[in-house]
Every structure is written in structure tokens, then in C-alpha cells.
Protein backbone atom coordinates (compact mmCIF):
# COMPACT_ATOMS: atom_id res chain seq x y z
CA MET A 1 14.87 6.04 -5.36
CA LEU A 2 12.13 3.87 -3.92
CA HIS A 3 12.97 0.92 -6.19
CA SER A 4 16.47 0.62 -4.74
CA ARG A 5 15.01 -0.16 -1.31
CA ILE A 6 13.31 -3.39 -2.31
CA ARG A 7 14.78 -6.62 -3.65
CA PRO A 8 13.66 -10.24 -4.05
CA LEU A 9 14.57 -13.00 -1.60
CA PRO A 10 15.03 -16.71 -2.46
CA ARG A 11 11.83 -18.71 -2.44
CA ARG A 12 11.26 -20.78 0.68
CA HIS A 13 8.73 -22.79 2.61
CA GLN A 14 7.15 -20.67 5.33
CA PRO A 15 4.56 -21.99 7.79
CA ILE A 16 1.68 -19.53 7.85
CA ALA A 17 -1.01 -19.03 10.46
CA ARG A 18 -4.50 -19.54 9.11
CA SER A 19 -6.57 -16.47 8.39
CA SER A 20 -10.09 -15.97 9.66
CA SER A 21 -11.12 -15.83 6.00
CA PRO A 22 -11.54 -19.28 4.33
CA SER A 23 -11.98 -17.79 0.87
CA ALA A 24 -8.49 -18.35 -0.51
CA PRO A 25 -6.29 -21.47 -0.29
CA ARG A 26 -3.03 -21.34 1.60
CA PRO A 27 0.04 -20.73 -0.64
CA GLU A 28 2.99 -23.13 -0.71
CA PHE A 29 6.64 -22.21 -1.23
CA ALA A 30 9.77 -24.06 -2.22
CA ASP A 31 12.53 -24.62 0.33
CA ALA A 32 15.19 -21.88 0.43
CA GLU A 33 18.06 -24.38 0.59
CA GLU A 34 16.80 -26.11 -2.54
CA THR A 35 15.96 -23.05 -4.63
CA PRO A 36 18.72 -20.47 -5.21
CA THR A 37 17.97 -16.89 -6.14
CA ARG A 38 16.97 -16.95 -9.81
CA PRO A 39 18.98 -14.92 -12.35
CA GLU A 40 15.78 -13.24 -13.54
CA ASP A 41 15.07 -12.11 -9.96
CA LEU A 42 18.51 -10.54 -9.67
CA PHE A 43 18.17 -8.88 -13.06
CA GLY A 44 14.69 -7.61 -12.19
CA ALA A 45 16.00 -5.93 -9.07
CA PHE A 46 18.40 -3.87 -11.16
CA LEU A 47 15.96 -2.91 -13.95
CA PRO A 48 15.11 0.46 -12.37
CA HIS A 49 18.80 1.37 -12.37
CA LEU A 50 19.39 0.24 -15.95
CA PHE A 51 16.17 1.59 -17.49
CA PRO A 52 14.58 4.02 -15.01
CA ASP A 53 11.87 5.18 -17.42
CA ASP A 54 10.92 1.74 -18.69
CA ALA A 55 11.32 -0.58 -15.73
CA PRO A 56 8.16 -2.35 -14.55
CA SER A 57 6.83 -1.30 -11.17
CA TYR A 58 6.19 -4.89 -10.15
CA HIS A 59 8.46 -6.21 -7.40
CA GLY A 60 8.06 -9.98 -7.27
CA ASP A 61 6.08 -13.08 -8.13
CA PRO A 62 2.99 -14.06 -6.15
CA GLY A 63 4.10 -15.90 -3.01
CA GLN A 64 7.63 -14.57 -3.25
CA HIS A 65 9.33 -12.86 -0.30
CA LEU A 66 10.83 -9.40 -0.75
CA LEU A 67 13.18 -7.38 1.41
CA TYR A 68 12.23 -3.72 1.91
CA SER A 69 15.08 -1.66 3.38
CA SER A 70 13.38 0.85 5.63
CA PRO A 71 15.49 3.97 6.36
CA ARG A 72 14.19 3.97 9.93
CA TYR A 73 13.43 0.37 10.87
CA GLY A 74 15.94 -1.68 8.89
CA ASP A 75 15.11 -4.64 6.69
CA LEU A 76 11.47 -5.74 6.57
CA GLU A 77 10.60 -9.07 4.95
CA ILE A 78 7.39 -8.84 2.92
CA MET A 79 5.46 -11.71 1.39
CA VAL A 80 3.68 -10.99 -1.90
CA PRO A 81 0.10 -12.41 -1.77
CA SER A 82 -0.34 -15.60 -3.79
CA TYR A 83 -3.15 -15.91 -6.34
CA PRO A 84 -3.49 -19.68 -6.93
CA SER A 85 -7.13 -19.63 -8.03
CA GLN A 86 -6.97 -16.81 -10.54
CA SER A 87 -7.55 -17.27 -14.26
CA GLU A 88 -4.75 -17.94 -16.71
CA SER A 89 -5.06 -14.39 -18.06
CA ARG A 90 -4.65 -13.00 -14.53
CA THR A 91 -1.53 -15.15 -14.07
CA GLN A 92 -0.18 -13.79 -17.35
CA GLU A 93 -0.85 -10.23 -16.19
CA MET A 94 1.11 -10.83 -13.02
CA ALA A 95 3.96 -12.42 -14.98
CA ALA A 96 4.01 -9.35 -17.20
CA GLY A 97 4.50 -7.15 -14.18
CA LEU A 98 1.04 -5.72 -13.65
CA LEU A 99 0.68 -6.67 -9.98
CA ARG A 100 2.29 -3.67 -8.31
CA THR A 101 3.54 -2.65 -4.89
CA ASP A 102 4.82 0.86 -5.68
CA GLU A 103 1.99 2.61 -3.84
CA GLY A 104 2.56 0.63 -0.67
CA VAL A 105 6.30 1.29 -0.87
CA GLU A 106 5.64 5.00 -1.41
CA GLN A 107 3.33 5.13 1.61
CA ALA A 108 5.79 3.23 3.81
CA ASP A 109 8.70 5.34 2.59
CA THR A 110 6.85 8.54 3.46
CA LEU A 111 6.00 7.26 6.94
CA ASP A 112 9.61 6.19 7.47
CA SER A 113 10.95 9.57 6.42
CA CYS A 114 8.99 11.30 9.15
CA GLY A 115 11.34 9.81 11.71
CA GLN A 116 14.36 11.29 9.97
CA MET A 117 13.22 14.81 9.17
CA THR A 118 13.03 18.03 11.11
CA GLU A 119 9.48 18.89 12.18
CA ASN A 120 7.60 20.59 9.34
CA ASP A 121 4.25 20.41 7.57
CA ASP A 122 5.22 17.24 5.68
CA VAL A 123 6.16 15.42 8.86
CA ALA A 124 3.08 16.57 10.75
CA MET A 125 0.88 15.40 7.86
CA TRP A 126 2.10 11.81 8.10
CA LYS A 127 2.55 11.28 11.84
CA VAL A 128 0.71 8.24 13.20
CA LYS A 129 1.95 7.96 16.78
CA GLY A 130 -1.06 7.33 19.00
CA GLU A 131 -3.45 7.33 16.02
CA ARG A 132 -6.05 4.70 15.13
CA VAL A 133 -5.22 3.66 11.57
CA LEU A 134 -7.28 1.75 9.01
CA GLU A 135 -5.74 0.39 5.80
CA LEU A 136 -8.16 -0.37 2.96
CA GLY A 137 -7.28 -2.86 0.21
CA ALA A 138 -4.10 -3.68 2.11
CA GLY A 139 -2.60 -6.41 -0.07
CA ALA A 140 0.89 -6.98 1.35
CA ALA A 141 0.14 -4.44 4.15
CA LEU A 142 3.54 -2.73 4.12
CA PRO A 143 2.03 0.66 5.13
CA SER A 144 0.31 -1.05 8.08
CA VAL A 145 3.62 -2.50 9.23
CA SER A 146 5.24 0.94 9.02
CA CYS A 147 2.37 2.49 10.99
CA ALA A 148 2.73 -0.08 13.75
CA LEU A 149 6.48 0.51 13.97
CA ALA A 150 5.82 4.27 14.04
CA GLY A 151 3.67 3.94 17.15
CA ALA A 152 0.05 3.85 15.98
CA SER A 153 -2.21 2.76 18.83
CA VAL A 154 -4.36 0.54 16.57
CA ILE A 155 -3.91 -0.61 13.00
CA ALA A 156 -6.79 -2.41 11.27
CA VAL A 157 -5.55 -4.19 8.15
CA THR A 158 -8.43 -4.89 5.78
CA ASP A 159 -8.91 -6.39 2.35
CA HIS A 160 -11.82 -7.87 0.40
CA PRO A 161 -13.04 -11.17 1.93
CA SER A 162 -11.98 -13.01 -1.25
CA SER A 163 -8.45 -11.54 -1.23
CA PRO A 164 -5.63 -14.12 -1.23
CA ALA A 165 -3.70 -11.73 1.02
CA LEU A 166 -5.92 -12.87 3.89
CA SER A 167 -4.77 -16.48 3.51
CA GLY A 168 -1.34 -15.80 4.94
CA ALA A 169 0.55 -12.84 3.51
CA ILE A 170 -0.94 -10.15 5.78
CA ARG A 171 -0.51 -12.25 8.91
CA PHE A 172 3.08 -13.16 8.01
CA ASN A 173 4.02 -9.58 7.17
CA THR A 174 2.61 -8.16 10.39
CA GLU A 175 3.69 -10.90 12.79
CA HIS A 176 7.16 -11.44 11.32
CA ASN A 177 8.08 -7.76 11.18
CA LEU A 178 6.55 -6.68 14.49
CA ARG A 179 7.98 -9.36 16.76
CA ALA A 180 11.18 -9.16 18.84
CA PRO A 181 14.04 -8.44 18.35
CA LYS A 182 12.71 -5.76 16.02
CA ILE A 183 11.60 -2.41 17.41
CA PRO A 184 9.07 -3.18 20.19
CA THR A 185 5.55 -2.01 19.42
CA SER A 186 2.44 -1.97 21.57
CA THR A 187 0.19 -1.42 18.57
CA GLU A 188 -2.97 -3.50 18.48
CA VAL A 189 -3.06 -5.16 15.05
CA ILE A 190 -6.43 -6.28 13.68
CA ILE A 191 -6.72 -8.30 10.46
CA GLN A 192 -10.25 -7.98 9.15
CA PRO A 193 -11.99 -8.96 5.89
CA HIS A 194 -14.09 -6.06 4.63
CA GLU A 195 -16.05 -5.35 1.47
CA TRP A 196 -16.26 -1.67 0.54
CA GLY A 197 -19.77 -0.30 0.81
CA ALA A 198 -21.04 -3.27 2.87
CA LEU A 199 -21.44 -1.28 6.07
CA GLU A 200 -24.82 -1.39 7.81
CA ASN A 201 -24.96 -5.20 7.76
CA ASP A 202 -21.31 -5.71 8.75
CA SER A 203 -21.09 -6.03 12.54
CA TRP A 204 -17.40 -5.07 12.59
CA ALA A 205 -18.11 -1.97 10.49
CA VAL A 206 -21.00 -0.97 12.76
CA GLN A 207 -18.85 -1.37 15.87
CA ASN A 208 -16.06 0.76 14.39
CA LYS A 209 -18.03 3.51 12.66
CA GLY A 210 -16.21 6.84 12.95
CA SER A 211 -13.38 5.37 15.00
CA PHE A 212 -10.27 5.74 12.79
CA THR A 213 -8.28 8.97 12.76
CA ARG A 214 -6.16 7.92 9.78
CA ILE A 215 -7.25 5.89 6.75
CA ILE A 216 -4.70 4.61 4.23
CA ALA A 217 -5.82 3.71 0.72
CA ALA A 218 -2.90 2.82 -1.59
CA ASP A 219 -3.69 1.73 -5.16
CA CYS A 220 -7.41 1.24 -4.48
CA TYR A 221 -8.72 3.25 -7.41
CA TRP A 222 -8.43 1.12 -10.55
CA MET A 223 -12.07 -0.12 -10.41
CA ARG A 224 -14.21 2.84 -11.41
CA SER A 225 -17.37 0.94 -10.45
CA GLN A 226 -16.16 0.81 -6.83
CA HIS A 227 -15.35 4.50 -6.35
CA GLU A 228 -18.64 5.29 -4.61
CA ASN A 229 -18.36 2.25 -2.35
CA LEU A 230 -14.79 3.18 -1.48
CA VAL A 231 -15.74 6.77 -0.62
CA ARG A 232 -18.72 5.59 1.44
CA THR A 233 -16.38 3.29 3.37
CA MET A 234 -13.90 6.11 3.97
CA ARG A 235 -16.62 8.43 5.27
CA TRP A 236 -18.11 5.68 7.43
CA PHE A 237 -14.91 4.81 9.29
CA LEU A 238 -13.28 8.25 9.46
CA ALA A 239 -13.35 9.89 12.89
CA PRO A 240 -14.15 13.62 13.27
CA GLY A 241 -11.02 15.56 12.38
CA GLY A 242 -9.45 12.48 10.78
CA ARG A 243 -7.64 12.29 7.46
CA VAL A 244 -7.57 9.92 4.49
CA TRP A 245 -4.20 9.33 2.81
CA ALA A 246 -4.75 8.47 -0.86
CA VAL A 247 -1.76 7.19 -2.83
CA THR A 248 -1.72 5.72 -6.33
CA CYS A 249 0.28 5.51 -9.52
CA PHE A 250 -1.17 5.93 -13.00
CA HIS A 251 -0.74 2.40 -14.35
CA THR A 252 -4.47 2.27 -15.22
CA GLY A 253 -4.45 5.84 -16.55
CA ARG A 254 -4.86 9.33 -15.12
CA ALA A 255 -8.55 9.58 -16.01
CA ILE A 256 -9.63 6.86 -13.59
CA VAL A 257 -7.67 8.47 -10.74
CA THR A 258 -9.26 11.82 -11.58
CA GLY A 259 -12.64 10.08 -11.48
CA PHE A 260 -12.05 8.96 -7.91
CA PHE A 261 -11.21 12.47 -6.70
CA GLU A 262 -14.28 13.85 -8.48
CA THR A 263 -16.43 11.23 -6.74
CA ALA A 264 -14.86 12.03 -3.36
CA LEU A 265 -15.61 15.74 -3.81
CA GLN A 266 -19.20 15.03 -4.87
CA MET A 267 -19.70 12.87 -1.76
CA GLY A 268 -18.55 15.46 0.72
CA PHE A 269 -14.78 15.23 0.98
CA GLU A 270 -12.35 18.10 0.55
CA ILE A 271 -8.83 17.75 -0.79
CA GLU A 272 -6.54 19.26 1.81
CA ARG A 273 -3.34 18.58 -0.07
CA ILE A 274 -2.39 16.89 -3.36
CA TYR A 275 0.77 16.58 -5.46
CA GLU A 276 2.66 14.16 -7.69
CA ARG A 277 5.97 12.55 -6.76
CA ASP A 278 8.65 11.13 -9.05
CA LEU A 279 9.31 7.54 -7.95
CA HIS A 280 12.59 7.20 -9.85
CA SER A 281 14.62 10.27 -9.00
CA SER A 282 15.37 12.75 -6.23
CA ARG A 283 16.86 16.22 -5.90
CA GLU A 284 20.58 16.74 -5.34
CA ASP A 285 19.92 17.27 -1.63
CA GLY A 286 18.05 13.94 -1.45
CA GLY A 287 14.61 15.52 -1.33
CA GLU A 288 11.60 14.44 -3.37
CA VAL A 289 11.00 15.57 -6.93
CA ARG A 290 7.42 16.88 -6.99
CA ARG A 291 5.08 18.58 -9.39
CA ASP A 292 1.53 19.92 -9.16
CA TRP A 293 -1.37 17.53 -9.58
CA VAL A 294 -3.44 18.09 -12.70
CA PRO A 295 -6.54 16.10 -13.75
CA VAL A 296 -5.35 16.05 -17.38
CA ARG A 297 -1.72 16.19 -18.50
CA GLU A 298 -1.30 16.77 -22.22
CA GLY A 299 1.01 14.38 -24.06
CA GLU A 300 1.18 11.91 -21.19
CA GLY A 301 1.30 8.24 -22.13
CA PRO A 302 2.15 4.89 -20.54
CA GLU A 303 5.85 5.42 -21.25
CA ASN A 304 6.15 8.53 -19.05
CA ARG A 305 3.26 8.43 -16.58
CA LYS A 306 4.32 5.29 -14.71
CA ARG A 307 7.21 6.97 -12.94
CA TRP A 308 4.81 9.33 -11.14
CA CYS A 309 2.65 8.77 -8.09
CA VAL A 310 -0.16 11.02 -6.80
CA ILE A 311 -0.40 11.66 -3.07
CA ALA A 312 -3.44 13.32 -1.51
CA VAL A 313 -4.84 14.07 1.92
CA LEU A 314 -8.63 14.15 2.19
CA LYS A 315 -10.85 15.43 4.98
CA LYS A 316 -14.58 15.66 5.48
CA GLY A 317 -16.03 18.90 4.17
CA GLY A 318 -16.35 21.72 6.67
CA GLU A 319 -13.80 20.34 9.15
CA GLU A 320 -10.60 22.07 10.16
């Protein structure tokens, strides 16, 4: 189960390098020696085991540090982006468990598994060694960290210029987890603010048009008004023969996810592969529990859709 691989760490003060984006203030943390692990944190870590169908997907408070146990690379410490300037309602949403990291964990878990499995179509689909990788809407950037550890030649970690993740979390997560004595990596890591759809007037976007062979987009689909901008951005940056990895859960409903795939098809993408994965259970042999993707699933509601995640591979139409 993916949930069993991630647990909260005690809050602490962590010096953070400044981001190139001045849009969000730098988060502050309490000292680890002064703040013990809270009982609610410990209880939250075990919710998926106690109530697998009802446990929230959220894995920590903004600014908290989490420990992701990678099957291939060991423990990775991940900082959850802090949202100090958000509205009270947004803070309440996060407290209720609506700020999620499942999609990033799913993406990282899939990349990790490739190092453990015998060569097959699944492994070949997710290999990143030597690839130029772009992550869109990165947030905590766990998939980017996994790609760097897996040998990607370049990983560009991007989020909206106003994203609080750019004020420290992304830099901490990449620098802390990619430095010695962890697995050495020669990956070039770029942290870049980017607004979807703002392409022709963005000098970085112009310089990197068509240069990424893999694009990761995990949980980027909940704003229907941004679907066209997101697809335009994917097409702009994707190299000939490249692939887009789309991963998302259904916490905002299946219809909005379906809407994204419809937009992608209308704008010239093809779906090379798509399926749904159960996040809470596995087969007796340890393999994934999967089912076919369907745009509409009768009788599905919030109580049973949140344990599933859709995974798709997109390519430009007409390419092999």
C-alpha cells in the first residue's frame, strides 16, 4: 500500500535557500527538540490501516516534513509546501485533508518499482535514465526527486510563479535528497516558475520548446478552466517521440478528469495507455490491483472513488 510508505516527521526549524520567485513568503518551522511528534500525527499515519476506505489522502500539514520510504532509494525527507498567505477557507480545507500528495507518491512509487522489476512493458514505459524530464505543477516535487535518483539527465521542476512551493519546499526536497551520502546523481536540476499557457512571451519556455522527452503531470487537472492551457504547455515542451505521464486521483470527481482527456484528444494527443490503480490494496503476489479506465462509472461516489488513481501515457497524434 502506498500510504504505508509515508509518515510524518516532528516539526523543526530548517534553513531554506531562497527561491528565484519572490511571490511567496518563506515558511518558518518549530524546533525539533522543542516540539515532539504530535499524537494526531501518529494517529493520522495509521488511518489508512484502520479505515482503508475512509482514510483521507492528505499526508501532512503545510510546512511539515514527511518521510517517504522508497523501495529503491531508502528514506526520502519531503517538505510539504507552506501556504501562509492563503484565505481562512483554504486553511480549513487543508486542515480537513484536502491538500493531497497521493498522485506524487503514486508517480514516485511507479518510478521506484522499475528498478526492482524484470524488464517488461510496464518498466519500459516508466524508464527515465538519460531522459530530459519536465514536471508540471510540481508541489513537493517527489516525482522529480525520484527521476533524478533514477538517472534522468535533466529534470526541470516547475510550478506556478505564485506557488508557495517555490519559496523553499522544492529546493529543500531536491537538494536534501540528492546530496551525498545518498545515491550519487549527475542529473541537472532546474527549478523554474512557469504559468501554463504563457509560452511565446516566456523566454525560458521559448528556449526549451520541444526539448523534454518525458513530462510528468500529477494532480494537475482539478481546474477545468486550465485544461487547454495545460495541454498547450504539454505540446509545447514535448520533444518528438516523447511521452506525457498523467496521474491523478478522483478527489474532485471523475467528470473533471474525463474532461481533461477529452481536451487532450481534441488538441492532438493520443492516449497510448490508461488504467486505474487501487491505492489501498495489492494482489497476493504484491502486484498492483488495476481495472480499466472508464469515463463514467455508475454508482461511484466520494466514499469509493478516492481509493483509485488513473494513470495514463499520452503522445502526440501520429507518432510511434
